[in-house]
């Protein structure tokens, strides 16, 4: 009677070994992509360019630039809104770039692997 389950010699079949190698290669590539994303910068403006925000690929605010015309002591709330809008747009750009980079690995299936992006 033939044995059920297991593989002759106790090793992995060729296809499984190949899958493991491919998974390890993909993991290395994803880690490299994540490191590369951290070095990228994404900028956005609001108020017709009166406010500019720049964030990193790791979603850290790097700098905010304000045009003198945007600084109105009588309307601080508008300036605050412009800063929020510019920062959020820059973060959206970073997210889009991250999702685009990730889709190379997921084949467009969506979803991200936690902790990588």
Protein backbone atom coordinates (compact mmCIF):
# COMPACT_ATOMS: atom_id res chain seq x y z
CA UNK A 1 0.00 0.00 0.00
CA UNK A 2 1.31 3.45 -0.88
CA UNK A 3 1.93 6.00 1.81
CA UNK A 4 -0.50 8.89 1.96
CA UNK A 5 0.76 12.42 2.32
CA UNK A 6 4.34 13.54 2.66
CA UNK A 7 6.94 13.60 -0.04
CA UNK A 8 9.54 10.99 -0.95
CA UNK A 9 12.72 11.66 0.96
CA UNK A 10 10.93 14.15 3.21
CA UNK A 11 11.92 17.13 1.03
CA UNK A 12 9.79 19.75 -0.67
CA UNK A 13 8.60 19.08 -4.17
CA UNK A 14 10.22 21.14 -6.92
CA UNK A 15 7.26 23.47 -7.33
CA UNK A 16 7.08 24.24 -3.61
CA UNK A 17 10.82 24.99 -3.47
CA UNK A 18 10.42 27.32 -6.46
CA UNK A 19 7.49 29.06 -4.81
CA UNK A 20 9.52 29.60 -1.66
CA UNK A 21 12.42 31.07 -3.66
CA UNK A 22 10.03 33.36 -5.54
CA UNK A 23 8.40 34.48 -2.28
CA UNK A 24 11.80 35.29 -0.76
CA UNK A 25 12.82 37.21 -3.87
CA UNK A 26 9.54 39.12 -3.82
CA UNK A 27 10.02 39.95 -0.14
CA UNK A 28 13.51 41.35 -0.82
CA UNK A 29 12.16 43.43 -3.70
CA UNK A 30 9.33 44.76 -1.55
CA UNK A 31 11.76 45.73 1.21
CA UNK A 32 13.95 47.53 -1.34
CA UNK A 33 10.87 49.33 -2.70
CA UNK A 34 9.88 50.38 0.83
CA UNK A 35 13.36 51.82 1.46
CA UNK A 36 13.25 53.65 -1.86
CA UNK A 37 9.83 55.11 -1.01
CA UNK A 38 11.21 56.55 2.22
CA UNK A 39 13.67 58.69 0.26
CA UNK A 40 11.09 60.14 -2.12
CA UNK A 41 9.40 63.48 -1.58
CA UNK A 42 5.86 64.47 -2.53
CA UNK A 43 4.71 68.06 -2.68
CA UNK A 44 1.39 69.78 -3.07
CA UNK A 45 0.12 73.33 -3.02
CA UNK A 46 -3.08 75.04 -1.93
CA UNK A 47 -4.49 78.50 -2.36
CA UNK A 48 -3.08 78.89 -5.84
CA UNK A 49 0.43 78.12 -4.63
CA UNK A 50 0.26 80.29 -1.49
CA UNK A 51 0.97 77.23 0.65
CA UNK A 52 3.22 74.33 -0.25
CA UNK A 53 3.69 71.15 1.79
CA UNK A 54 6.29 68.48 1.18
CA UNK A 55 6.10 65.02 2.75
CA UNK A 56 8.37 62.00 2.54
CA UNK A 57 7.37 58.59 1.23
CA UNK A 58 7.33 57.46 4.85
CA UNK A 59 4.57 60.04 5.40
CA UNK A 60 6.55 62.56 7.42
CA UNK A 61 5.97 66.26 6.93
CA UNK A 62 9.32 67.65 5.74
CA UNK A 63 8.52 71.31 5.19
CA UNK A 64 5.81 73.88 4.72
CA UNK A 65 6.36 77.01 2.64
CA UNK A 66 4.10 80.03 2.95
CA UNK A 67 3.77 82.89 0.49
CA UNK A 68 3.73 86.25 2.28
CA UNK A 69 0.29 86.93 0.84
CA UNK A 70 -1.07 83.87 2.64
CA UNK A 71 -0.18 85.30 6.04
CA UNK A 72 -3.10 87.50 7.02
CA UNK A 73 -3.31 88.10 10.78
CA UNK A 74 -7.00 88.83 10.30
CA UNK A 75 -7.69 85.41 8.76
CA UNK A 76 -5.54 82.80 10.47
CA UNK A 77 -8.26 80.18 9.96
CA UNK A 78 -7.92 80.38 6.18
CA UNK A 79 -4.16 79.86 6.43
CA UNK A 80 -4.69 76.86 8.70
CA UNK A 81 -7.15 75.39 6.19
CA UNK A 82 -4.70 75.90 3.33
CA UNK A 83 -1.92 74.17 5.27
CA UNK A 84 -4.17 71.20 6.07
CA UNK A 85 -5.27 70.96 2.43
CA UNK A 86 -1.70 71.05 1.09
CA UNK A 87 -0.44 68.48 3.62
CA UNK A 88 -3.35 66.12 2.95
CA UNK A 89 -2.86 66.35 -0.81
CA UNK A 90 0.87 65.65 -0.47
CA UNK A 91 0.08 62.63 1.74
CA UNK A 92 -2.43 61.42 -0.85
CA UNK A 93 0.30 61.61 -3.49
CA UNK A 94 2.61 59.55 -1.28
CA UNK A 95 -0.17 56.98 -0.76
CA UNK A 96 -0.84 56.77 -4.50
CA UNK A 97 2.85 56.24 -5.26
CA UNK A 98 3.05 53.58 -2.56
CA UNK A 99 -0.03 51.77 -3.90
CA UNK A 100 1.34 51.97 -7.43
CA UNK A 101 4.68 50.52 -6.33
CA UNK A 102 2.92 47.79 -4.37
CA UNK A 103 0.73 46.82 -7.32
CA UNK A 104 3.87 45.58 -9.08
CA UNK A 105 4.02 42.85 -6.47
CA UNK A 106 0.33 42.17 -5.93
CA UNK A 107 -0.57 42.20 -9.61
CA UNK A 108 -3.18 44.90 -8.98
CA UNK A 109 -5.10 42.74 -6.50
CA UNK A 110 -5.11 45.60 -4.03
CA UNK A 111 -4.29 45.54 -0.37
CA UNK A 112 -0.99 46.28 1.24
CA UNK A 113 1.22 44.19 3.40
CA UNK A 114 1.19 45.76 6.86
CA UNK A 115 4.39 47.44 7.92
CA UNK A 116 5.83 47.87 4.44
CA UNK A 117 4.12 51.03 3.23
